[in-house]
């Protein structure tokens, strides 16, 4: 249903913007409650952060807040997952789940030529077909489904379109 998909996408983006999701880049977890506390600590007359706010900001990114418990109560997206790396062991998906990753995104081709990109995509789909703990994400609702079913959602992307031999402007016709 296109309408429910649009509503879900809107809700997902709204929740993401409000900080109720943990989005991973460089291992920093952002918690809504702590964000609000930090905002309250900002001095309203000169917009400078007082010492208590600095301490709160440091607490947001502290080692204790990186524990998996936070991840299990949040949507966690990691875009640095090597699903198709030849060196990856079979425990990788288990480690994702233990860490509470909801959506793991993998770059299947960045420096490969077209044939190498196709080989990486084939390897990605083979891994997906052989592991019932993975759920391929095609729409926002699938992210919530992965969370509910305690699976790791996965999706692949290209780092650049050089693997397909096209420029960015031409990519809109391919997708």
Foldseek 3Di string as FASTA:
>chain_A
DVVVLVVLVVVVVVCVVQQCAAEDDPLFGTHNVLVVVLVVQQDPPPRHGDPVSVVSVCVRRDPVVQAQVSLLSHAYEAADDAQQDPPDDPCSQVVCLNSNHLEYEEEQEEPAAQVSSVVSVVSNVVSVVVDPLEAEDDGSVVSVVNSVVSGHYYYYDHPACVNVPDHPVCVVVVD
